[in-house]
C-alpha cells in the first residue's frame, strides 16, 4: 500500500502535545511532514489542546463518539441495538472488526464483550487508523462534564470500552489470513462508506479517507475460517452484496436504510 502525505503540526509547544506529535510520527502508512506555510494543498493534521483534527480543502474530520453515546445510552435504558442482535456478542467474547471506520461499532462491541473480552479493529486507511487509535488513547479528554447521571455513566462505560480495542492498520484480508483457525468468536464487516451520499455532511469527510472497494469473497472465506460462531455483514437494505457473498439477511424495520447479514460457522 502506498503511503499518503500528511502535513502535521501542533498549536502549542506543550510537552503533552509534543509527545502526541511524536506518537503520530511513528504511525505507519503516512508520510508525515511538519507543516510549513504555503503547503495548503495537502491534508493537514492539527494537534491542539482541544483535540486532533484532520482538514483537507473544506472538510474537517476528528474522532468523536457521539453515535456510540446515543446507542449505549439506549442500551443502558434497556433498549435494543441491531448490531448487537446480529453479532450476539457477550461478555468475554473476542471480536474482529475488519472495517473500523471511526470506531462506533467497535466501541459498542467492546462494551458488550467487557473487560474479559477483546476487540481487534483493522482499518485500511492509515490516517483513519492513526486518528481513531489516538482518539481511543485519549478518550478521557473528550468526556464532557455531564450533570445527568445517565449520561455520565454512559461516558464512563465507553471510556472503559475504549481500552479494550486494539487498533491495527492494514488490509483486512491480509490481516485475517494471519489469524489462526477458529480463534475468535465473531468477525464483523461494515464496508458501507463507499455508498455515502454527498448530502450527508457528517459522513462525507470520512468517505474521502475510507476504502470504497466492495468486500472481497476471499476476505469472507478468511473470516469464516477464523470465526468460532459467526461472520456478520452490514449493508444497505436490498443490497445484492448479501447474496453475492453468501450471507443470510437478518431483516430489520422497513424504515431502516440498512440490514445485517449473517454466516453461522
C-alpha atoms as a PDB file:
ATOM      1  CA  UNK A   1       0.000   0.000   0.000  1.00  0.00           C
ATOM      2  CA  UNK A   2       1.275   3.427  -0.934  1.00  0.00           C
ATOM      3  CA  UNK A   3       1.976   5.995   1.752  1.00  0.00           C
ATOM      4  CA  UNK A   4      -0.185   9.096   1.838  1.00  0.00           C
ATOM      5  CA  UNK A   5       1.348  12.513   2.502  1.00  0.00           C
ATOM      6  CA  UNK A   6       0.017  14.348   5.550  1.00  0.00           C
ATOM      7  CA  UNK A   7       1.139  17.673   6.977  1.00  0.00           C
ATOM      8  CA  UNK A   8       1.226  17.666  10.763  1.00  0.00           C
ATOM      9  CA  UNK A   9       1.547  20.419  13.351  1.00  0.00           C
ATOM     10  CA  UNK A  10       0.797  21.332  16.951  1.00  0.00           C
ATOM     11  CA  UNK A  11      -0.892  24.552  18.003  1.00  0.00           C
ATOM     12  CA  UNK A  12       1.255  24.969  21.129  1.00  0.00           C
ATOM     13  CA  UNK A  13       4.624  23.809  22.454  1.00  0.00           C
ATOM     14  CA  UNK A  14       3.147  21.945  25.440  1.00  0.00           C
ATOM     15  CA  UNK A  15       5.037  18.777  26.361  1.00  0.00           C
ATOM     16  CA  UNK A  16       1.825  16.739  26.086  1.00  0.00           C
ATOM     17  CA  UNK A  17       1.142  17.981  22.549  1.00  0.00           C
ATOM     18  CA  UNK A  18       4.735  17.361  21.519  1.00  0.00           C
ATOM     19  CA  UNK A  19       4.546  13.794  22.842  1.00  0.00           C
ATOM     20  CA  UNK A  20       1.333  13.306  20.900  1.00  0.00           C
ATOM     21  CA  UNK A  21       3.076  14.639  17.779  1.00  0.00           C
ATOM     22  CA  UNK A  22       5.911  12.154  18.231  1.00  0.00           C
ATOM     23  CA  UNK A  23       3.383   9.338  18.587  1.00  0.00           C
ATOM     24  CA  UNK A  24       1.767  10.239  15.259  1.00  0.00           C
ATOM     25  CA  UNK A  25       5.144  10.462  13.528  1.00  0.00           C
ATOM     26  CA  UNK A  26       5.700   6.803  14.447  1.00  0.00           C
ATOM     27  CA  UNK A  27       2.409   5.589  12.947  1.00  0.00           C
ATOM     28  CA  UNK A  28       2.880   3.627   9.698  1.00  0.00           C
ATOM     29  CA  UNK A  29       1.338   4.210   6.295  1.00  0.00           C
ATOM     30  CA  UNK A  30       1.594   8.006   6.239  1.00  0.00           C
ATOM     31  CA  UNK A  31       4.390  10.217   5.028  1.00  0.00           C
ATOM     32  CA  UNK A  32       4.310  12.765   7.822  1.00  0.00           C
ATOM     33  CA  UNK A  33       5.686  16.231   7.075  1.00  0.00           C
ATOM     34  CA  UNK A  34       5.944  19.014   9.607  1.00  0.00           C
ATOM     35  CA  UNK A  35       3.619  21.750   8.360  1.00  0.00           C
ATOM     36  CA  UNK A  36       5.165  24.833   6.824  1.00  0.00           C
ATOM     37  CA  UNK A  37       3.459  27.894   5.358  1.00  0.00           C
ATOM     38  CA  UNK A  38       2.404  27.623   1.741  1.00  0.00           C
ATOM     39  CA  UNK A  39       1.706  23.871   1.749  1.00  0.00           C
ATOM     40  CA  UNK A  40      -2.069  24.109   1.969  1.00  0.00           C
ATOM     41  CA  UNK A  41      -2.819  21.721  -0.900  1.00  0.00           C
ATOM     42  CA  UNK A  42      -2.002  18.684   1.258  1.00  0.00           C
ATOM     43  CA  UNK A  43      -4.258  17.368   4.034  1.00  0.00           C
ATOM     44  CA  UNK A  44      -3.189  18.637   7.451  1.00  0.00           C
ATOM     45  CA  UNK A  45      -3.404  17.062  10.888  1.00  0.00           C
ATOM     46  CA  UNK A  46      -3.564  19.621  13.686  1.00  0.00           C
ATOM     47  CA  UNK A  47      -2.851  18.551  17.263  1.00  0.00           C
ATOM     48  CA  UNK A  48      -4.478  21.077  19.560  1.00  0.00           C
ATOM     49  CA  UNK A  49      -5.327  21.326  23.242  1.00  0.00           C
ATOM     50  CA  UNK A  50      -8.969  20.745  22.345  1.00  0.00           C
ATOM     51  CA  UNK A  51      -8.305  17.670  20.207  1.00  0.00           C
ATOM     52  CA  UNK A  52      -6.859  16.399  16.928  1.00  0.00           C
ATOM     53  CA  UNK A  53      -8.333  17.499  13.589  1.00  0.00           C
ATOM     54  CA  UNK A  54      -7.711  16.394  10.013  1.00  0.00           C
ATOM     55  CA  UNK A  55      -8.528  19.076   7.443  1.00  0.00           C
ATOM     56  CA  UNK A  56      -8.444  18.992   3.657  1.00  0.00           C
ATOM     57  CA  UNK A  57      -9.973  21.609   1.411  1.00  0.00           C
ATOM     58  CA  UNK A  58     -13.290  22.481   3.087  1.00  0.00           C
ATOM     59  CA  UNK A  59     -13.635  19.207   5.041  1.00  0.00           C
ATOM     60  CA  UNK A  60     -12.693  18.572   8.644  1.00  0.00           C
ATOM     61  CA  UNK A  61     -12.599  15.213  10.413  1.00  0.00           C
ATOM     62  CA  UNK A  62     -11.948  14.287  14.037  1.00  0.00           C
ATOM     63  CA  UNK A  63     -12.545  11.317  16.298  1.00  0.00           C
ATOM     64  CA  UNK A  64     -15.864  11.517  18.112  1.00  0.00           C
ATOM     65  CA  UNK A  65     -18.127   9.113  19.978  1.00  0.00           C
ATOM     66  CA  UNK A  66     -21.498  10.808  19.547  1.00  0.00           C
ATOM     67  CA  UNK A  67     -23.401   7.902  17.957  1.00  0.00           C
ATOM     68  CA  UNK A  68     -21.822   5.411  20.365  1.00  0.00           C
ATOM     69  CA  UNK A  69     -23.059   7.555  23.260  1.00  0.00           C
ATOM     70  CA  UNK A  70     -26.614   7.628  21.875  1.00  0.00           C
ATOM     71  CA  UNK A  71     -26.628   3.891  21.246  1.00  0.00           C
ATOM     72  CA  UNK A  72     -25.143   2.921  24.605  1.00  0.00           C
ATOM     73  CA  UNK A  73     -27.471   5.263  26.463  1.00  0.00           C
ATOM     74  CA  UNK A  74     -30.365   3.442  24.802  1.00  0.00           C
ATOM     75  CA  UNK A  75     -28.877   0.062  25.740  1.00  0.00           C
ATOM     76  CA  UNK A  76     -28.379   1.073  29.371  1.00  0.00           C
ATOM     77  CA  UNK A  77     -32.027   2.100  29.443  1.00  0.00           C
ATOM     78  CA  UNK A  78     -32.988  -1.431  28.393  1.00  0.00           C
ATOM     79  CA  UNK A  79     -33.277  -0.792  24.656  1.00  0.00           C
ATOM     80  CA  UNK A  80     -32.002  -2.961  21.834  1.00  0.00           C
ATOM     81  CA  UNK A  81     -29.267  -2.496  19.244  1.00  0.00           C
ATOM     82  CA  UNK A  82     -29.411  -4.181  15.839  1.00  0.00           C
ATOM     83  CA  UNK A  83     -25.639  -4.538  15.668  1.00  0.00           C
ATOM     84  CA  UNK A  84     -25.618  -6.485  18.947  1.00  0.00           C
ATOM     85  CA  UNK A  85     -28.633  -8.522  17.836  1.00  0.00           C
ATOM     86  CA  UNK A  86     -26.722  -9.509  14.704  1.00  0.00           C
ATOM     87  CA  UNK A  87     -23.344 -10.181  16.327  1.00  0.00           C
ATOM     88  CA  UNK A  88     -24.743 -11.801  19.515  1.00  0.00           C
ATOM     89  CA  UNK A  89     -21.657 -10.622  21.402  1.00  0.00           C
ATOM     90  CA  UNK A  90     -21.485 -11.473  25.080  1.00  0.00           C
ATOM     91  CA  UNK A  91     -19.104 -10.872  27.967  1.00  0.00           C
ATOM     92  CA  UNK A  92     -15.703 -12.478  27.406  1.00  0.00           C
ATOM     93  CA  UNK A  93     -16.073 -12.837  23.621  1.00  0.00           C
ATOM     94  CA  UNK A  94     -13.449 -11.887  21.059  1.00  0.00           C
ATOM     95  CA  UNK A  95     -14.383  -9.709  18.087  1.00  0.00           C
ATOM     96  CA  UNK A  96     -12.554  -8.754  14.920  1.00  0.00           C
ATOM     97  CA  UNK A  97     -13.937  -5.541  13.458  1.00  0.00           C
ATOM     98  CA  UNK A  98     -12.409  -5.698   9.992  1.00  0.00           C
ATOM     99  CA  UNK A  99     -13.579  -2.233   8.872  1.00  0.00           C
ATOM    100  CA  UNK A 100     -13.028   0.129  11.795  1.00  0.00           C
ATOM    101  CA  UNK A 101     -14.007   3.498  10.309  1.00  0.00           C
ATOM    102  CA  UNK A 102     -14.467   5.958  13.184  1.00  0.00           C
ATOM    103  CA  UNK A 103     -14.955   3.122  15.655  1.00  0.00           C
ATOM    104  CA  UNK A 104     -18.608   3.455  16.706  1.00  0.00           C
ATOM    105  CA  UNK A 105     -19.421  -0.251  16.287  1.00  0.00           C
ATOM    106  CA  UNK A 106     -16.072  -1.252  17.795  1.00  0.00           C
ATOM    107  CA  UNK A 107     -16.898   0.775  20.923  1.00  0.00           C
ATOM    108  CA  UNK A 108     -20.330  -0.856  21.275  1.00  0.00           C
ATOM    109  CA  UNK A 109     -18.749  -4.256  20.670  1.00  0.00           C
ATOM    110  CA  UNK A 110     -16.040  -3.582  23.261  1.00  0.00           C
ATOM    111  CA  UNK A 111     -18.703  -2.602  25.787  1.00  0.00           C
ATOM    112  CA  UNK A 112     -20.591  -5.843  25.082  1.00  0.00           C
ATOM    113  CA  UNK A 113     -17.563  -8.139  25.497  1.00  0.00           C
ATOM    114  CA  UNK A 114     -16.447  -6.340  28.657  1.00  0.00           C
ATOM    115  CA  UNK A 115     -13.131  -6.372  30.472  1.00  0.00           C
ATOM    116  CA  UNK A 116     -12.555 -10.071  29.842  1.00  0.00           C
ATOM    117  CA  UNK A 117     -13.248  -9.771  26.127  1.00  0.00           C
ATOM    118  CA  UNK A 118     -11.116  -8.331  23.367  1.00  0.00           C
ATOM    119  CA  UNK A 119     -11.624  -6.387  20.154  1.00  0.00           C
ATOM    120  CA  UNK A 120      -9.154  -6.338  17.281  1.00  0.00           C
ATOM    121  CA  UNK A 121     -10.011  -3.470  14.933  1.00  0.00           C
ATOM    122  CA  UNK A 122      -8.490  -3.325  11.438  1.00  0.00           C
ATOM    123  CA  UNK A 123      -8.508  -0.194   9.285  1.00  0.00           C
ATOM    124  CA  UNK A 124      -7.026   0.003   5.803  1.00  0.00           C
ATOM    125  CA  UNK A 125      -6.733   3.791   5.745  1.00  0.00           C
ATOM    126  CA  UNK A 126      -3.536   4.683   7.662  1.00  0.00           C
ATOM    127  CA  UNK A 127      -4.737   8.157   8.594  1.00  0.00           C
ATOM    128  CA  UNK A 128      -8.090   6.851   9.884  1.00  0.00           C
ATOM    129  CA  UNK A 129      -6.297   4.126  11.835  1.00  0.00           C
ATOM    130  CA  UNK A 130      -3.983   6.699  13.423  1.00  0.00           C
ATOM    131  CA  UNK A 131      -6.755   9.224  14.099  1.00  0.00           C
ATOM    132  CA  UNK A 132      -9.057   6.687  15.789  1.00  0.00           C
ATOM    133  CA  UNK A 133      -6.212   4.996  17.662  1.00  0.00           C
ATOM    134  CA  UNK A 134      -5.179   8.366  19.072  1.00  0.00           C
ATOM    135  CA  UNK A 135      -8.789   9.208  19.926  1.00  0.00           C
ATOM    136  CA  UNK A 136      -9.193   5.954  21.845  1.00  0.00           C
ATOM    137  CA  UNK A 137      -5.895   6.557  23.650  1.00  0.00           C
ATOM    138  CA  UNK A 138      -7.156   9.991  24.749  1.00  0.00           C
ATOM    139  CA  UNK A 139     -10.810   9.116  25.233  1.00  0.00           C
ATOM    140  CA  UNK A 140     -10.979  10.695  28.694  1.00  0.00           C
ATOM    141  CA  UNK A 141     -10.227  14.089  27.178  1.00  0.00           C
ATOM    142  CA  UNK A 142     -13.427  14.148  25.108  1.00  0.00           C
ATOM    143  CA  UNK A 143     -15.746  13.253  28.002  1.00  0.00           C
ATOM    144  CA  UNK A 144     -17.996  16.247  28.742  1.00  0.00           C
ATOM    145  CA  UNK A 145     -18.784  17.435  32.239  1.00  0.00           C
ATOM    146  CA  UNK A 146     -22.248  15.890  32.241  1.00  0.00           C
ATOM    147  CA  UNK A 147     -24.566  16.631  35.145  1.00  0.00           C
ATOM    148  CA  UNK A 148     -27.041  13.974  34.070  1.00  0.00           C
ATOM    149  CA  UNK A 149     -26.138  10.734  35.885  1.00  0.00           C
ATOM    150  CA  UNK A 150     -27.286   8.537  32.984  1.00  0.00           C
ATOM    151  CA  UNK A 151     -25.065  10.339  30.508  1.00  0.00           C
ATOM    152  CA  UNK A 152     -22.176  10.347  32.952  1.00  0.00           C
ATOM    153  CA  UNK A 153     -22.462   6.571  33.393  1.00  0.00           C
ATOM    154  CA  UNK A 154     -22.624   6.122  29.613  1.00  0.00           C
ATOM    155  CA  UNK A 155     -19.415   8.069  29.041  1.00  0.00           C
ATOM    156  CA  UNK A 156     -17.652   6.158  31.834  1.00  0.00           C
ATOM    157  CA  UNK A 157     -18.697   2.852  30.261  1.00  0.00           C
ATOM    158  CA  UNK A 158     -17.471   3.948  26.838  1.00  0.00           C
ATOM    159  CA  UNK A 159     -14.153   5.096  28.271  1.00  0.00           C
ATOM    160  CA  UNK A 160     -13.690   1.638  29.748  1.00  0.00           C
ATOM    161  CA  UNK A 161     -14.685   0.081  26.410  1.00  0.00           C
ATOM    162  CA  UNK A 162     -12.131   2.224  24.564  1.00  0.00           C
ATOM    163  CA  UNK A 163      -9.349   0.430  26.445  1.00  0.00           C
ATOM    164  CA  UNK A 164     -10.445  -2.944  25.045  1.00  0.00           C
ATOM    165  CA  UNK A 165      -9.858  -2.026  21.385  1.00  0.00           C
ATOM    166  CA  UNK A 166      -6.592  -2.961  19.699  1.00  0.00           C
ATOM    167  CA  UNK A 167      -6.317  -0.852  16.513  1.00  0.00           C
ATOM    168  CA  UNK A 168      -4.210  -2.152  13.626  1.00  0.00           C
ATOM    169  CA  UNK A 169      -3.518  -0.597  10.242  1.00  0.00           C
ATOM    170  CA  UNK A 170      -3.635  -2.992   7.302  1.00  0.00           C
ATOM    171  CA  UNK A 171      -5.615  -4.605   4.511  1.00  0.00           C
ATOM    172  CA  UNK A 172      -8.216  -6.740   6.252  1.00  0.00           C
ATOM    173  CA  UNK A 173      -7.982  -9.816   4.020  1.00  0.00           C
ATOM    174  CA  UNK A 174      -4.222  -9.959   4.512  1.00  0.00           C
ATOM    175  CA  UNK A 175      -4.572  -9.390   8.254  1.00  0.00           C
ATOM    176  CA  UNK A 176      -7.303 -12.022   8.627  1.00  0.00           C
ATOM    177  CA  UNK A 177      -5.103 -14.544   6.811  1.00  0.00           C
ATOM    178  CA  UNK A 178      -2.524 -14.233   9.619  1.00  0.00           C
ATOM    179  CA  UNK A 179      -5.019 -15.205  12.358  1.00  0.00           C
ATOM    180  CA  UNK A 180      -5.246 -18.888  13.413  1.00  0.00           C
ATOM    181  CA  UNK A 181      -8.303 -21.040  12.620  1.00  0.00           C
ATOM    182  CA  UNK A 182     -11.336 -20.762  14.922  1.00  0.00           C
ATOM    183  CA  UNK A 183      -9.552 -18.338  17.237  1.00  0.00           C
ATOM    184  CA  UNK A 184     -12.112 -15.507  17.512  1.00  0.00           C
ATOM    185  CA  UNK A 185     -15.821 -15.563  18.212  1.00  0.00           C
ATOM    186  CA  UNK A 186     -17.165 -13.007  15.719  1.00  0.00           C
ATOM    187  CA  UNK A 187     -15.861 -11.234  12.619  1.00  0.00           C
ATOM    188  CA  UNK A 188     -17.670  -8.079  11.500  1.00  0.00           C
ATOM    189  CA  UNK A 189     -17.631  -6.161   8.216  1.00  0.00           C
ATOM    190  CA  UNK A 190     -19.181  -2.752   7.527  1.00  0.00           C
ATOM    191  CA  UNK A 191     -17.952  -1.705   4.042  1.00  0.00           C
ATOM    192  CA  UNK A 192     -20.739   0.837   3.567  1.00  0.00           C
ATOM    193  CA  UNK A 193     -18.741   4.047   3.271  1.00  0.00           C
ATOM    194  CA  UNK A 194     -18.339   3.660  -0.484  1.00  0.00           C
ATOM    195  CA  UNK A 195     -22.076   4.414  -0.779  1.00  0.00           C
ATOM    196  CA  UNK A 196     -22.030   7.662   1.214  1.00  0.00           C
ATOM    197  CA  UNK A 197     -24.412  10.243  -0.163  1.00  0.00           C
ATOM    198  CA  UNK A 198     -22.944  13.643  -0.957  1.00  0.00           C
ATOM    199  CA  UNK A 199     -25.594  15.426   1.084  1.00  0.00           C
ATOM    200  CA  UNK A 200     -24.517  13.629   4.278  1.00  0.00           C
ATOM    201  CA  UNK A 201     -22.295  16.380   5.703  1.00  0.00           C
ATOM    202  CA  UNK A 202     -21.401  14.446   8.855  1.00  0.00           C
ATOM    203  CA  UNK A 203     -20.145  11.363   6.977  1.00  0.00           C
ATOM    204  CA  UNK A 204     -18.733  12.882   3.795  1.00  0.00           C
ATOM    205  CA  UNK A 205     -15.311  13.782   5.322  1.00  0.00           C
ATOM    206  CA  UNK A 206     -14.912  10.148   6.390  1.00  0.00           C
ATOM    207  CA  UNK A 207     -15.785   8.993   2.875  1.00  0.00           C
ATOM    208  CA  UNK A 208     -12.707  10.723   1.460  1.00  0.00           C
ATOM    209  CA  UNK A 209     -10.356   8.578   3.551  1.00  0.00           C
ATOM    210  CA  UNK A 210     -12.190   5.238   3.646  1.00  0.00           C
ATOM    211  CA  UNK A 211     -11.771   2.211   1.380  1.00  0.00           C
ATOM    212  CA  UNK A 212     -14.506   2.216  -1.279  1.00  0.00           C
ATOM    213  CA  UNK A 213     -13.922  -1.218  -2.747  1.00  0.00           C
ATOM    214  CA  UNK A 214     -16.643  -3.870  -2.350  1.00  0.00           C
ATOM    215  CA  UNK A 215     -15.990  -6.652   0.127  1.00  0.00           C
ATOM    216  CA  UNK A 216     -13.841  -9.423  -1.283  1.00  0.00           C
ATOM    217  CA  UNK A 217     -15.094 -13.042  -1.307  1.00  0.00           C
ATOM    218  CA  UNK A 218     -11.666 -14.229  -0.147  1.00  0.00           C
ATOM    219  CA  UNK A 219     -11.904 -11.937   2.883  1.00  0.00           C
ATOM    220  CA  UNK A 220     -15.236 -13.527   3.802  1.00  0.00           C
ATOM    221  CA  UNK A 221     -13.703 -17.009   3.466  1.00  0.00           C
ATOM    222  CA  UNK A 222     -10.844 -15.973   5.756  1.00  0.00           C
ATOM    223  CA  UNK A 223     -13.375 -14.601   8.245  1.00  0.00           C
ATOM    224  CA  UNK A 224     -15.276 -17.905   8.205  1.00  0.00           C
ATOM    225  CA  UNK A 225     -12.026 -19.764   8.779  1.00  0.00           C
ATOM    226  CA  UNK A 226     -11.063 -17.815  11.911  1.00  0.00           C
ATOM    227  CA  UNK A 227     -14.547 -17.352  13.432  1.00  0.00           C
ATOM    228  CA  UNK A 228     -15.941 -19.765  16.001  1.00  0.00           C
ATOM    229  CA  UNK A 229     -19.528 -18.544  15.902  1.00  0.00           C
ATOM    230  CA  UNK A 230     -20.484 -16.116  13.147  1.00  0.00           C
ATOM    231  CA  UNK A 231     -19.467 -13.607  10.498  1.00  0.00           C
ATOM    232  CA  UNK A 232     -21.629 -10.506  10.197  1.00  0.00           C
ATOM    233  CA  UNK A 233     -22.023  -8.039   7.321  1.00  0.00           C
ATOM    234  CA  UNK A 234     -23.740  -4.652   7.484  1.00  0.00           C
ATOM    235  CA  UNK A 235     -25.010  -3.319   4.166  1.00  0.00           C
ATOM    236  CA  UNK A 236     -27.698  -1.117   2.692  1.00  0.00           C
ATOM    237  CA  UNK A 237     -31.192  -2.554   2.538  1.00  0.00           C
ATOM    238  CA  UNK A 238     -31.768  -4.607  -0.629  1.00  0.00           C
ATOM    239  CA  UNK A 239     -28.041  -4.718  -1.332  1.00  0.00           C
ATOM    240  CA  UNK A 240     -27.038  -7.533  -3.736  1.00  0.00           C
ATOM    241  CA  UNK A 241     -23.872  -7.974  -1.631  1.00  0.00           C
ATOM    242  CA  UNK A 242     -25.644 -10.291   0.818  1.00  0.00           C
ATOM    243  CA  UNK A 243     -26.443 -12.825  -1.885  1.00  0.00           C
ATOM    244  CA  UNK A 244     -23.129 -12.397  -3.699  1.00  0.00           C
ATOM    245  CA  UNK A 245     -21.148 -13.117  -0.544  1.00  0.00           C
ATOM    246  CA  UNK A 246     -23.385 -15.835   0.904  1.00  0.00           C
ATOM    247  CA  UNK A 247     -24.941 -14.033   3.885  1.00  0.00           C
ATOM    248  CA  UNK A 248     -28.420 -14.751   5.220  1.00  0.00           C
ATOM    249  CA  UNK A 249     -30.192 -11.446   5.794  1.00  0.00           C
ATOM    250  CA  UNK A 250     -31.483 -10.562   9.236  1.00  0.00           C
ATOM    251  CA  UNK A 251     -34.180  -8.099   8.273  1.00  0.00           C
ATOM    252  CA  UNK A 252     -34.891  -5.032  10.381  1.00  0.00           C
ATOM    253  CA  UNK A 253     -37.534  -2.356  10.227  1.00  0.00           C
ATOM    254  CA  UNK A 254     -38.851  -1.484   6.789  1.00  0.00           C
ATOM    255  CA  UNK A 255     -37.863   2.102   7.558  1.00  0.00           C
ATOM    256  CA  UNK A 256     -34.228   1.266   8.335  1.00  0.00           C
ATOM    257  CA  UNK A 257     -31.768   2.005   5.500  1.00  0.00           C
ATOM    258  CA  UNK A 258     -29.585  -0.990   6.456  1.00  0.00           C
ATOM    259  CA  UNK A 259     -29.760  -4.707   7.094  1.00  0.00           C
ATOM    260  CA  UNK A 260     -27.352  -7.225   8.595  1.00  0.00           C
ATOM    261  CA  UNK A 261     -26.272 -10.499   7.021  1.00  0.00           C
ATOM    262  CA  UNK A 262     -25.034 -13.498   8.985  1.00  0.00           C
ATOM    263  CA  UNK A 263     -22.995 -16.594   8.238  1.00  0.00           C
ATOM    264  CA  UNK A 264     -23.030 -19.134  11.042  1.00  0.00           C
ATOM    265  CA  UNK A 265     -19.827 -21.191  11.200  1.00  0.00           C
END
